[in-house]
Amino acid sequence: MKDRSMKDVQQPDSRTPEQIRRSRNRVLALSLAAFVVLVFLISMAKMG
């Protein structure tokens, strides 16, 4: 029988679906904001 390490064992997620959704939305919002800032900075660099 294989010896399983702790990282191989899946821990049940204690967060509610609402908390998971909110967390995912926050990551998406931050990613979109970072993309917008990046496009803005590149545009300003090309114009200037």
Protein backbone atom coordinates (compact mmCIF):
# COMPACT_ATOMS: atom_id res chain seq x y z
CA MET A 1 0.00 0.00 0.00
CA LYS A 2 1.24 3.48 -0.87
CA ASP A 3 2.18 5.90 1.86
CA ARG A 4 0.24 9.13 1.25
CA SER A 5 1.73 12.45 2.25
CA MET A 6 -0.42 15.20 3.75
CA LYS A 7 -0.54 17.20 0.52
CA ASP A 8 -2.09 14.27 -1.37
CA VAL A 9 -5.08 14.11 0.96
CA GLN A 10 -7.88 16.49 -0.05
CA GLN A 11 -9.21 18.53 2.84
CA PRO A 12 -12.92 19.33 2.69
CA ASP A 13 -13.48 23.04 2.05
CA SER A 14 -15.16 24.58 5.09
CA ARG A 15 -16.14 27.73 3.18
CA THR A 16 -19.69 28.19 1.98
CA PRO A 17 -20.40 28.48 -1.76
CA GLU A 18 -21.10 32.19 -1.18
CA GLN A 19 -17.63 32.71 0.32
CA ILE A 20 -15.98 30.77 -2.50
CA ARG A 21 -17.87 32.81 -5.11
CA ARG A 22 -16.96 36.08 -3.40
CA SER A 23 -13.31 35.10 -3.24
CA ARG A 24 -13.26 34.11 -6.92
CA ASN A 25 -14.99 37.36 -7.90
CA ARG A 26 -12.43 39.37 -5.92
CA VAL A 27 -9.57 37.65 -7.75
CA LEU A 28 -11.25 38.27 -11.13
CA ALA A 29 -11.83 41.95 -10.27
CA LEU A 30 -8.22 42.46 -9.21
CA SER A 31 -6.98 40.70 -12.36
CA LEU A 32 -9.17 42.89 -14.57
CA ALA A 33 -8.03 46.05 -12.76
CA ALA A 34 -4.38 45.05 -13.17
CA PHE A 35 -4.96 44.44 -16.89
CA VAL A 36 -6.61 47.85 -17.31
CA VAL A 37 -3.73 49.58 -15.52
CA LEU A 38 -1.22 47.70 -17.66
CA VAL A 39 -2.96 48.68 -20.91
CA PHE A 40 -3.16 52.30 -19.69
CA LEU A 41 0.55 52.42 -18.84
CA ILE A 42 1.56 50.86 -22.17
CA SER A 43 -0.66 53.33 -24.02
CA MET A 44 0.85 56.28 -22.16
CA ALA A 45 4.38 55.01 -22.86
CA LYS A 46 3.67 54.70 -26.59
CA MET A 47 2.17 58.20 -26.79
CA GLY A 48 4.88 59.90 -24.78
